[in-house]
Structure formats: C-alpha cells, structure tokens
Amino acid sequence: MKDLIKTILYEWMNKPLPDTIARDIDLQKYAEARPSKITAITGFRRVGKTYLLYDLIKRLLQKNMREEMLYVNFEDERIPLQTGFMTALLPMFKQLFDKKMKYLFLDEIQNMPEWSKWVRRIYDKEALRIFITGSSSKMSSKEIPTELRGRFLSVDVFPLSFSEFLRFSNMTVNAEAIKYSEEERAKLSKAIAEFLTYGSMPEVVLANKNFKFEIINSYYQSVVRRDIIERHNVRNEESLKALLRLLMNSTSYSISKVYNTLKSLGYKVGKSTVQSYLSHIENAYFMFSLPLFSYKIKNQMQYARKLYVIDNGFINKISTKLSNNYGRLFENAVALHLVRTSNGKELYYWKSTKEEVDFVVKQGTKVKQLIQVCYDATDVSTRERETRALIKASKELGCRDLLIITNEYESTVEEKWFGTTRTIEFIPLWKWFLAKF
C-alpha cells in the first residue's frame, strides 16, 4: 500500500496538465470562499468535471507550488477500494514533501467506502481547501451524507451549454448580422443542427464527426455497466437493459405502465425493483423526470412523469423511435437548459383534459413562467394549439409570463382564448439559449 501511494504521489508531482477550454462554471470563487467549505462537483460522467479541476489547478499553480496541492483520481484501477488507502494518503504526502498542503482534489471519490466520513475528518482537522467530484447524485446537495451537512457547497456540471458549445467549436454568433447575412444564418443553422444531433458532451464536440456516435455509444455502455449495474449490484441485468430500452424510446413513464410492459414482454421483475432501477438511472444522472404540476401531492405522484435524457446524442444514437425527431430533440435540449439554469426553481409540466404545457417554472409558492416548445410555429393550427394551452394554464395558475420556443419564428403577439387575452412571446431556440437568465 505504501509503495503504491508513493508512486501515485510522485506521478502527480510530475504529471503534465492538459490544455483546457474555459467553461461558464468558475471554480476560482470556491477556492477563495470564506469560510472555507468542501466543494462537491457532481454530474454525469465525462461532462468535464476533471477538466474543471485541471483548469483551477493551473490557475492556482501561478501562486502556489505543486507540493502544496494534491490531485488523486479514484478511477485509477491501481487504487484499492479500502479506507486504509485514504487514511495513509495525507501522512505519506507530508512525509515525502514536508510541505503544508493547501488544496486537496479528490476525483470520482464516490466508490470509496466511508469516503464522506474521511473527508469530514480531514476537513475538521486540516486547514485546507477540499474539492471532490463524483458521478452520483448521492453527492449532490439533495442527498449529501449527514456528516457533511453545513460543511459543503455543491456545483452541478452538465454537458456544454450552447454558448460553451460555440466556444469549444471556435464559433461566434452575431445576433445583428444574422438578420441580414445569409452566411451567418447558415452558420448558426449548422451549429444548432450539430448541437441537437450529437449533443454537447465535451469530448464529442471536439471529436471528428466520424467518431462522435462511437464515443456516445461507449459512454452509454460505461454508464450502464459501471454507474448502474456495478455500483448498485444489479443482478437482473436483462430486465434493467430492457427498461432502459423502453425509456429511451419514451417521452414519459409511470411505474405501473413500465412494470406492466416489462411483464408482458416476459421479464420477471417486481414493481419495487422497477422503482429501484428508475432511481439508479436518475442517480447516475443519465435521465431526469418532471412531475405533473398540481397543488395536490397525490396527483404529482399518481400521474406519469415526463422523461428527459442528459444529452441529445444518446437519443439519436440509442433510441430507435425518437432519433432524428427534431421536436423531441428541441424539447430535450430545452429541458436540460432549464435544469442547468434553474438556480433553485422547480420544474413541472401541466396538463388538462385536452391541453398540455411543456414546462412550468415555479419559484417559491408562485408559478413564474410557462413555456411551450414548438419546432415549427409557422403553421397556424400548430400555433393555435400551443397558445390555447398556454392561456388556459395561465388562467388556472395565475402566470402571465408566457413563452414559446421555436426554430426560427420570432414575434410578440396577443392571443385570446377562453375569454382571456394574454401576451405571448415567440423566441428562436438559439436566442433563448444565449439569453442571460
């Protein structure tokens, strides 16, 4: 064990740091926060958590020596999943380098047993800044272990936003030029199409187009095997994979419906097991779901949940039904951006007997905004359907901020339905992506 720790420590001291591209998330403020807190960076695997750490480390190295900081990647296959490794880590560091450590970076630590208790002890005992990353929602602010409460700040990382996607692609968007330049419109159209088709996982964005779906497929296999099956010790792998196939070809689900479908296909799995599988899938950040908006908790729990995938690339590569469905890709991208920029707001969908609104944005006790996603708003009947649903929900929920996100159509109109007139804004997807929330 000691020889392995020495090897890892010496490797770190000589490890060249890779080039990084700036993200909208800036960890520098967490490195300088007063009082010092443990910073937990969570999100789906391969969304760029490690490179965010590298970017911060490079900036810190301008003021500090490398002997004052330590980075350890717990996905290194040489590291045993034993608490003894962590217990011996810092004493060995002090013995080898005789320096006071200022920064400790622990990458993908969630697989270590008792990791949270160890981090708590180090935080209480040592005067240093601790950054941890993990690809499990068990490390998020919603589910943080009890021993870390009050000592911990959470940073959620998602695939690249559209602005980050443009930066990684060395592209700029000139909103004014788009109005009169065919070339600018073509460039923007190409960027949106690529963003929606291949998604925005950093490595995929930077990859040659011929390899993008191959990389996406490798991510899918990895999350299924490592973050769901192995992490949760799933024994009935075939039922889990069948469930994933069902979900990847669905836009909503209820536990009863999924259970009955699996049962009809011959899979022997209980309803409680299906519920556990769904929890494991969301816990790995692969999918997330939104409940029906209702002031009655019973209704929220009883009705189907709308389903979204962490990145559009998975829909186009894995789904056999929803791939190349631009309406579905639009809505999934909007859902992801809303979650990314939610900042404490709650998200739901709304439904009446005949009408449905894609997104209800609630803050505190008030509904702040109602949003429809409509790829082609130039069709009059489509526009009427979307505005009618918005106005009905607006009347019921007492919200006047009504928005329809479109492919190209842009306008502000007054519409009257159900004896009520409301102002509705239509905005192109790209412009909404780049707006400041």
Protein backbone atom coordinates (compact mmCIF):
# COMPACT_ATOMS: atom_id res chain seq x y z
CA MET A 1 0.00 0.00 0.00
CA LYS A 2 2.75 2.47 0.96
CA ASP A 3 4.69 1.85 -2.25
CA LEU A 4 1.55 2.40 -4.32
CA ILE A 5 0.80 5.68 -2.53
CA LYS A 6 4.37 6.85 -3.09
CA THR A 7 4.11 6.03 -6.79
CA ILE A 8 0.84 7.93 -7.13
CA LEU A 9 2.19 10.95 -5.26
CA TYR A 10 5.38 11.15 -7.35
CA GLU A 11 3.35 10.72 -10.54
CA TRP A 12 1.20 13.67 -9.52
CA MET A 13 4.24 15.86 -8.94
CA ASN A 14 5.45 15.17 -12.47
CA LYS A 15 2.07 14.99 -14.19
CA PRO A 16 1.71 17.45 -17.11
CA LEU A 17 -1.68 19.15 -17.02
CA PRO A 18 -3.68 19.02 -20.27
CA ASP A 19 -4.90 22.04 -22.18
CA THR A 20 -8.32 23.22 -21.03
CA ILE A 21 -11.08 25.35 -22.51
CA ALA A 22 -12.85 27.74 -20.17
CA ARG A 23 -16.36 26.79 -19.07
CA ASP A 24 -19.07 29.09 -17.77
CA ILE A 25 -18.55 27.48 -14.35
CA ASP A 26 -15.73 29.18 -12.45
CA LEU A 27 -14.34 27.22 -9.51
CA GLN A 28 -11.96 30.03 -8.54
CA LYS A 29 -14.54 31.63 -6.26
CA TYR A 30 -14.89 28.35 -4.36
CA ALA A 31 -11.13 28.25 -3.83
CA GLU A 32 -11.33 31.68 -2.22
CA ALA A 33 -14.65 31.39 -0.35
CA ARG A 34 -14.82 32.48 3.26
CA PRO A 35 -15.37 30.47 5.34
CA SER A 36 -13.76 27.53 3.59
CA LYS A 37 -16.17 24.79 2.55
CA ILE A 38 -15.84 21.36 0.93
CA THR A 39 -16.73 21.84 -2.74
CA ALA A 40 -18.53 18.87 -4.30
CA ILE A 41 -18.64 18.87 -8.13
CA THR A 42 -21.23 16.43 -9.38
CA GLY A 43 -22.70 15.40 -12.71
CA PHE A 44 -22.90 12.71 -15.37
CA ARG A 45 -19.60 11.01 -16.21
CA ARG A 46 -17.47 12.69 -18.89
CA VAL A 47 -19.24 16.07 -18.66
CA GLY A 48 -15.93 17.75 -17.82
CA LYS A 49 -15.65 17.64 -14.02
CA THR A 50 -11.99 16.58 -14.12
CA TYR A 51 -11.07 19.30 -16.62
CA LEU A 52 -12.73 21.89 -14.42
CA LEU A 53 -10.37 20.74 -11.66
CA TYR A 54 -7.38 20.88 -14.03
CA ASP A 55 -8.30 24.41 -15.07
CA LEU A 56 -8.49 25.51 -11.44
CA ILE A 57 -5.23 23.75 -10.54
CA LYS A 58 -3.40 25.51 -13.37
CA ARG A 59 -4.58 28.87 -12.11
CA LEU A 60 -3.66 28.04 -8.52
CA LEU A 61 -0.19 26.95 -9.62
CA GLN A 62 0.50 30.55 -10.63
CA LYS A 63 0.51 31.41 -6.91
CA ASN A 64 1.31 28.11 -5.21
CA MET A 65 3.80 25.29 -5.52
CA ARG A 66 2.65 21.89 -6.67
CA GLU A 67 3.94 20.46 -3.38
CA GLU A 68 1.14 22.40 -1.67
CA MET A 69 -1.64 20.60 -3.50
CA LEU A 70 -2.63 17.05 -4.32
CA TYR A 71 -4.86 15.56 -7.03
CA VAL A 72 -5.96 11.91 -6.87
CA ASN A 73 -8.19 10.17 -9.41
CA PHE A 74 -10.03 7.34 -7.67
CA GLU A 75 -10.90 5.73 -11.00
CA ASP A 76 -7.23 4.69 -11.21
CA GLU A 77 -7.57 0.90 -11.26
CA ARG A 78 -4.49 0.53 -9.05
CA ILE A 79 -6.19 2.21 -6.09
CA PRO A 80 -7.84 -0.36 -3.79
CA LEU A 81 -11.37 0.45 -2.62
CA GLN A 82 -10.27 0.44 1.01
CA THR A 83 -10.43 3.12 3.68
CA GLY A 84 -6.82 2.29 4.55
CA PHE A 85 -5.67 3.92 1.31
CA MET A 86 -7.26 7.24 2.23
CA THR A 87 -6.07 7.02 5.83
CA ALA A 88 -2.43 6.67 4.71
CA LEU A 89 -2.59 9.24 1.90
CA LEU A 90 -2.01 12.54 3.70
CA PRO A 91 0.61 11.29 6.22
CA MET A 92 2.63 9.92 3.28
CA PHE A 93 2.32 13.25 1.46
CA LYS A 94 3.71 15.12 4.50
CA GLN A 95 6.50 12.57 4.88
CA LEU A 96 7.63 12.84 1.26
CA PHE A 97 7.33 16.57 0.61
CA ASP A 98 7.45 18.21 4.04
CA LYS A 99 5.06 20.93 2.89
CA LYS A 100 1.78 22.20 4.29
CA MET A 101 -0.94 21.12 1.90
CA LYS A 102 -3.32 23.91 0.88
CA TYR A 103 -5.53 22.19 -1.70
CA LEU A 104 -6.81 18.62 -1.97
CA PHE A 105 -8.57 17.41 -5.14
CA LEU A 106 -10.32 14.03 -4.98
CA ASP A 107 -11.73 12.93 -8.35
CA GLU A 108 -14.58 10.36 -8.58
CA ILE A 109 -14.37 9.50 -4.91
CA GLN A 110 -17.90 8.09 -4.57
CA ASN A 111 -16.84 4.44 -4.93
CA MET A 112 -14.62 4.59 -1.84
CA PRO A 113 -16.23 3.11 1.28
CA GLU A 114 -16.82 5.63 4.07
CA TRP A 115 -15.49 8.44 1.87
CA SER A 116 -17.73 11.09 3.44
CA LYS A 117 -16.58 10.32 6.98
CA TRP A 118 -12.94 10.53 5.90
CA VAL A 119 -13.50 13.83 4.10
CA ARG A 120 -15.30 15.19 7.18
CA ARG A 121 -12.39 14.23 9.44
CA ILE A 122 -9.81 15.84 7.14
CA TYR A 123 -11.92 18.98 6.79
CA ASP A 124 -12.25 19.34 10.58
CA LYS A 125 -8.62 18.55 11.28
CA GLU A 126 -6.64 20.17 8.46
CA ALA A 127 -6.73 23.80 7.29
CA LEU A 128 -7.00 23.10 3.58
CA ARG A 129 -9.41 23.51 0.67
CA ILE A 130 -11.06 20.28 -0.40
CA PHE A 131 -12.62 19.67 -3.83
CA ILE A 132 -14.34 16.36 -4.57
CA THR A 133 -16.06 15.14 -7.73
CA GLY A 134 -18.49 12.32 -8.35
CA SER A 135 -20.90 10.98 -10.96
CA SER A 136 -23.64 10.09 -8.49
CA SER A 137 -26.45 12.25 -7.18
CA LYS A 138 -25.66 10.79 -3.75
CA MET A 139 -23.00 13.50 -3.66
CA SER A 140 -25.36 16.32 -4.65
CA SER A 141 -26.86 18.94 -2.36
CA LYS A 142 -30.14 16.98 -2.28
CA GLU A 143 -28.63 13.75 -0.95
CA ILE A 144 -25.34 14.75 0.71
CA PRO A 145 -24.37 12.47 3.61
CA THR A 146 -25.36 13.72 7.05
CA GLU A 147 -21.78 14.13 8.25
CA LEU A 148 -21.04 16.75 5.58
CA ARG A 149 -24.10 18.94 6.05
CA GLY A 150 -23.18 22.55 6.78
CA ARG A 151 -19.63 21.95 5.56
CA PHE A 152 -20.33 21.61 1.89
CA LEU A 153 -21.11 23.55 -1.30
CA SER A 154 -22.45 21.79 -4.41
CA VAL A 155 -21.62 22.55 -8.04
CA ASP A 156 -23.68 20.73 -10.67
CA VAL A 157 -21.98 20.18 -14.03
CA PHE A 158 -23.90 19.41 -17.21
CA PRO A 159 -22.93 18.82 -20.83
CA LEU A 160 -21.91 22.03 -22.57
CA SER A 161 -24.45 24.83 -22.82
CA PHE A 162 -24.94 26.26 -26.31
CA SER A 163 -22.63 29.18 -25.52
CA GLU A 164 -19.96 26.74 -24.32
CA PHE A 165 -20.58 24.56 -27.38
CA LEU A 166 -19.85 27.57 -29.63
CA ARG A 167 -16.67 28.29 -27.67
CA PHE A 168 -15.46 24.68 -27.95
CA SER A 169 -16.31 24.77 -31.67
CA ASN A 170 -14.45 28.09 -32.19
CA MET A 171 -17.66 29.71 -33.40
CA THR A 172 -19.23 33.07 -32.66
CA VAL A 173 -22.82 34.20 -33.19
CA ASN A 174 -23.51 37.77 -34.24
CA ALA A 175 -27.18 38.35 -33.44
CA GLU A 176 -27.36 41.51 -35.55
CA ALA A 177 -25.58 40.01 -38.57
CA ILE A 178 -27.98 37.06 -38.58
CA LYS A 179 -30.81 39.42 -39.56
CA TYR A 180 -29.24 40.35 -42.91
CA SER A 181 -26.44 37.83 -43.59
CA GLU A 182 -27.30 34.54 -45.31
CA GLU A 183 -23.84 33.26 -44.41
CA GLU A 184 -24.36 33.98 -40.70
CA ARG A 185 -27.77 32.30 -40.75
CA ALA A 186 -26.31 29.22 -42.43
CA LYS A 187 -23.50 29.06 -39.88
CA LEU A 188 -25.98 29.33 -37.00
CA SER A 189 -28.29 26.73 -38.54
CA LYS A 190 -25.38 24.30 -38.85
CA ALA A 191 -24.35 24.90 -35.23
CA ILE A 192 -27.88 24.30 -33.89
CA ALA A 193 -28.26 21.16 -36.01
CA GLU A 194 -24.99 19.74 -34.71
CA PHE A 195 -25.83 20.70 -31.11
CA LEU A 196 -29.19 18.94 -31.32
CA THR A 197 -27.95 15.90 -33.26
CA TYR A 198 -24.71 14.98 -31.50
CA GLY A 199 -25.36 16.66 -28.15
CA SER A 200 -22.74 18.56 -26.21
CA MET A 201 -20.55 16.19 -24.25
CA PRO A 202 -17.15 17.98 -24.37
CA GLU A 203 -15.16 15.13 -25.92
CA VAL A 204 -17.87 14.53 -28.52
CA VAL A 205 -17.94 18.21 -29.51
CA LEU A 206 -14.17 18.17 -30.04
CA ALA A 207 -14.15 14.84 -31.89
CA ASN A 208 -14.15 14.22 -35.63
CA LYS A 209 -17.72 13.77 -36.87
CA ASN A 210 -16.99 10.17 -37.94
CA PHE A 211 -16.32 9.19 -34.32
CA LYS A 212 -18.98 11.17 -32.44
CA PHE A 213 -21.62 8.43 -32.23
CA GLU A 214 -18.96 5.83 -31.46
CA ILE A 215 -17.89 7.87 -28.42
CA ILE A 216 -21.52 8.39 -27.38
CA ASN A 217 -22.13 4.65 -27.53
CA SER A 218 -19.06 3.99 -25.36
CA TYR A 219 -20.42 6.45 -22.77
CA TYR A 220 -23.75 4.66 -22.77
CA GLN A 221 -22.16 1.24 -22.25
CA SER A 222 -20.00 2.68 -19.48
CA VAL A 223 -22.82 4.33 -17.53
CA VAL A 224 -24.98 1.18 -17.78
CA ARG A 225 -22.19 -1.12 -16.64
CA ARG A 226 -20.25 0.96 -14.12
CA ASP A 227 -22.67 3.56 -12.75
CA ILE A 228 -25.81 1.44 -12.63
CA ILE A 229 -25.17 -2.33 -12.70
CA GLU A 230 -21.89 -2.49 -10.78
CA ARG A 231 -22.48 0.42 -8.41
CA HIS A 232 -25.88 -0.89 -7.33
CA ASN A 233 -25.08 -4.59 -7.67
CA VAL A 234 -27.94 -5.19 -10.13
CA ARG A 235 -28.41 -8.91 -10.62
CA ASN A 236 -31.17 -8.97 -13.22
CA GLU A 237 -29.20 -7.20 -15.93
CA GLU A 238 -31.53 -8.14 -18.79
CA SER A 239 -34.55 -6.55 -17.09
CA LEU A 240 -32.59 -3.37 -16.41
CA LYS A 241 -31.42 -3.15 -20.02
CA ALA A 242 -34.95 -3.79 -21.26
CA LEU A 243 -36.19 -0.99 -19.01
CA LEU A 244 -33.56 1.35 -20.45
CA ARG A 245 -34.62 0.45 -24.00
CA LEU A 246 -38.23 1.28 -23.10
CA LEU A 247 -37.27 4.59 -21.53
CA MET A 248 -35.01 5.60 -24.41
CA ASN A 249 -38.00 5.28 -26.74
CA SER A 250 -40.45 7.09 -24.45
CA THR A 251 -41.20 10.69 -23.55
CA SER A 252 -42.93 9.86 -20.26
CA TYR A 253 -43.39 6.99 -17.86
CA SER A 254 -45.32 5.73 -14.88
CA ILE A 255 -44.08 2.87 -12.73
CA SER A 256 -47.25 0.86 -13.28
CA LYS A 257 -47.10 1.22 -17.06
CA VAL A 258 -43.40 0.32 -17.23
CA TYR A 259 -43.94 -2.65 -14.91
CA ASN A 260 -46.87 -3.96 -16.95
CA THR A 261 -44.95 -3.57 -20.22
CA LEU A 262 -41.94 -5.47 -18.90
CA LYS A 263 -44.22 -8.17 -17.53
CA SER A 264 -46.00 -8.53 -20.88
CA LEU A 265 -42.60 -8.97 -22.55
CA GLY A 266 -41.76 -11.86 -20.22
CA TYR A 267 -39.38 -10.12 -17.82
CA LYS A 268 -39.76 -11.33 -14.24
CA VAL A 269 -39.30 -8.18 -12.20
CA GLY A 270 -41.32 -6.76 -9.31
CA LYS A 271 -42.80 -3.26 -9.19
CA SER A 272 -40.48 -2.27 -6.31
CA THR A 273 -37.49 -3.45 -8.34
CA VAL A 274 -38.62 -1.35 -11.31
CA GLN A 275 -38.82 1.64 -8.96
CA SER A 276 -35.29 0.91 -7.72
CA TYR A 277 -33.97 0.67 -11.30
CA LEU A 278 -35.54 4.02 -12.16
CA SER A 279 -33.88 5.53 -9.09
CA HIS A 280 -30.49 4.06 -10.09
CA ILE A 281 -30.81 5.52 -13.61
CA GLU A 282 -31.58 9.01 -12.31
CA ASN A 283 -28.96 8.65 -9.59
CA ALA A 284 -26.35 8.20 -12.35
CA TYR A 285 -27.56 11.49 -13.93
CA PHE A 286 -28.39 9.63 -17.15
CA MET A 287 -32.05 10.65 -17.14
CA PHE A 288 -34.23 13.03 -15.20
CA SER A 289 -38.01 13.39 -14.99
CA LEU A 290 -40.53 16.13 -14.26
CA PRO A 291 -43.81 15.61 -12.40
CA LEU A 292 -47.22 16.97 -13.30
CA PHE A 293 -47.87 20.38 -11.74
CA SER A 294 -50.58 20.11 -9.12
CA TYR A 295 -51.14 21.60 -5.71
CA LYS A 296 -52.12 18.09 -4.63
CA ILE A 297 -49.09 15.91 -3.89
CA LYS A 298 -51.19 12.82 -4.61
CA ASN A 299 -51.69 13.95 -8.22
CA GLN A 300 -47.96 14.63 -8.67
CA MET A 301 -47.20 11.08 -7.52
CA GLN A 302 -50.05 9.43 -9.39
CA TYR A 303 -49.65 10.85 -12.91
CA ALA A 304 -46.96 9.98 -15.43
CA ARG A 305 -43.65 11.84 -15.28
CA LYS A 306 -42.15 13.41 -18.40
CA LEU A 307 -38.78 11.93 -19.22
CA TYR A 308 -35.57 13.60 -20.44
CA VAL A 309 -32.07 12.35 -21.24
CA ILE A 310 -28.85 14.04 -20.07
CA ASP A 311 -27.66 14.63 -23.65
CA ASN A 312 -29.31 14.62 -27.09
CA GLY A 313 -26.53 12.45 -28.50
CA PHE A 314 -27.90 9.47 -26.55
CA ILE A 315 -31.37 9.94 -28.05
CA ASN A 316 -30.01 9.94 -31.59
CA LYS A 317 -27.63 7.05 -31.05
CA ILE A 318 -29.55 4.73 -28.71
CA SER A 319 -33.24 5.44 -29.38
CA THR A 320 -34.87 3.61 -32.29
CA LYS A 321 -38.07 5.66 -32.15
CA LEU A 322 -37.12 9.23 -31.17
CA SER A 323 -33.85 9.69 -33.07
CA ASN A 324 -33.92 12.44 -35.71
CA ASN A 325 -37.24 13.66 -34.24
CA TYR A 326 -36.47 17.37 -34.12
CA GLY A 327 -39.48 18.17 -31.95
CA ARG A 328 -38.25 15.69 -29.34
CA LEU A 329 -34.64 16.89 -29.61
CA PHE A 330 -35.78 20.51 -29.22
CA GLU A 331 -37.75 19.75 -26.09
CA ASN A 332 -34.97 17.65 -24.54
CA ALA A 333 -32.43 20.43 -25.13
CA VAL A 334 -34.78 23.00 -23.58
CA ALA A 335 -35.40 20.77 -20.54
CA LEU A 336 -31.68 20.34 -19.98
CA HIS A 337 -31.05 24.09 -20.24
CA LEU A 338 -33.86 24.80 -17.79
CA VAL A 339 -32.37 22.37 -15.27
CA ARG A 340 -28.89 23.81 -15.87
CA THR A 341 -30.09 27.36 -15.15
CA SER A 342 -32.80 26.55 -12.59
CA ASN A 343 -30.97 28.19 -9.66
CA GLY A 344 -33.41 26.87 -7.09
CA LYS A 345 -36.53 27.00 -9.28
CA GLU A 346 -38.76 23.93 -9.56
CA LEU A 347 -39.80 22.46 -12.91
CA TYR A 348 -43.02 20.69 -13.82
CA TYR A 349 -45.33 20.12 -16.77
CA TRP A 350 -49.05 21.00 -16.83
CA LYS A 351 -51.94 19.11 -18.33
CA SER A 352 -55.71 19.48 -18.55
CA THR A 353 -58.22 17.26 -20.32
CA LYS A 354 -57.22 18.48 -23.79
CA GLU A 355 -54.28 20.86 -23.34
CA GLU A 356 -50.67 20.44 -22.21
CA VAL A 357 -47.87 22.87 -21.40
CA ASP A 358 -44.33 21.54 -21.65
CA PHE A 359 -42.74 23.40 -18.74
CA VAL A 360 -44.00 25.13 -15.61
CA VAL A 361 -41.30 27.13 -13.82
CA LYS A 362 -42.13 27.62 -10.14
CA GLN A 363 -40.20 29.66 -7.61
CA GLY A 364 -41.28 29.53 -4.01
CA THR A 365 -45.07 29.41 -3.98
CA LYS A 366 -45.56 31.16 -7.34
CA VAL A 367 -45.54 29.97 -10.93
CA LYS A 368 -43.07 32.32 -12.64
CA GLN A 369 -43.18 31.19 -16.27
CA LEU A 370 -44.98 28.85 -18.66
CA ILE A 371 -43.03 27.52 -21.65
CA GLN A 372 -44.03 25.66 -24.79
CA VAL A 373 -41.56 24.14 -27.24
CA CYS A 374 -42.69 24.28 -30.85
CA TYR A 375 -40.25 23.44 -33.64
CA ASP A 376 -42.44 24.79 -36.46
CA ALA A 377 -44.53 27.74 -35.29
CA THR A 378 -45.24 28.96 -38.83
CA ASP A 379 -48.19 26.58 -39.12
CA VAL A 380 -51.35 28.40 -37.98
CA SER A 381 -53.10 25.37 -36.46
CA THR A 382 -49.97 24.42 -34.52
CA ARG A 383 -49.62 27.97 -33.23
CA GLU A 384 -53.26 28.00 -32.13
CA ARG A 385 -52.87 24.70 -30.26
CA GLU A 386 -49.80 25.92 -28.37
CA THR A 387 -51.20 29.36 -27.48
CA ARG A 388 -54.56 27.90 -26.40
CA ALA A 389 -52.83 25.58 -23.93
CA LEU A 390 -50.64 28.41 -22.59
CA ILE A 391 -53.58 30.72 -21.99
CA LYS A 392 -55.63 28.03 -20.27
CA ALA A 393 -52.71 27.23 -17.95
CA SER A 394 -52.06 30.95 -17.46
CA LYS A 395 -55.63 31.47 -16.35
CA GLU A 396 -55.57 28.49 -13.98
CA LEU A 397 -52.11 29.11 -12.46
CA GLY A 398 -52.12 32.93 -12.39
CA CYS A 399 -48.99 33.36 -14.53
CA ARG A 400 -48.62 35.95 -17.30
CA ASP A 401 -45.04 35.23 -18.42
CA LEU A 402 -45.79 33.05 -21.46
CA LEU A 403 -43.10 31.85 -23.83
CA ILE A 404 -42.98 29.65 -26.94
CA ILE A 405 -39.53 28.49 -28.07
CA THR A 406 -39.32 27.91 -31.82
CA ASN A 407 -36.87 27.03 -34.56
CA GLU A 408 -36.91 30.38 -36.35
CA TYR A 409 -40.23 32.15 -35.75
CA GLU A 410 -39.94 35.29 -33.59
CA SER A 411 -42.75 37.59 -32.54
CA THR A 412 -44.74 39.00 -29.64
CA VAL A 413 -48.47 38.56 -30.05
CA GLU A 414 -51.72 38.96 -28.17
CA GLU A 415 -53.99 35.93 -28.26
CA LYS A 416 -57.47 35.40 -26.87
CA TRP A 417 -58.80 32.05 -25.68
CA PHE A 418 -61.34 31.09 -23.01
CA GLY A 419 -62.42 34.72 -22.76
CA THR A 420 -58.91 35.74 -21.72
CA THR A 421 -56.32 37.78 -23.64
CA ARG A 422 -52.63 37.22 -22.99
CA THR A 423 -49.35 38.46 -24.46
CA ILE A 424 -47.17 35.60 -25.70
CA GLU A 425 -43.53 35.82 -26.78
CA PHE A 426 -42.14 33.59 -29.53
CA ILE A 427 -38.34 33.26 -29.49
CA PRO A 428 -35.91 31.14 -31.57
CA LEU A 429 -34.09 28.41 -29.68
CA TRP A 430 -30.61 29.84 -30.27
CA LYS A 431 -31.59 33.28 -28.94
CA TRP A 432 -33.19 31.76 -25.85
CA PHE A 433 -30.07 29.66 -25.26
CA LEU A 434 -27.85 32.76 -25.32
CA ALA A 435 -30.14 34.95 -23.18
CA LYS A 436 -29.00 35.82 -19.67
CA PHE A 437 -31.20 34.17 -17.05
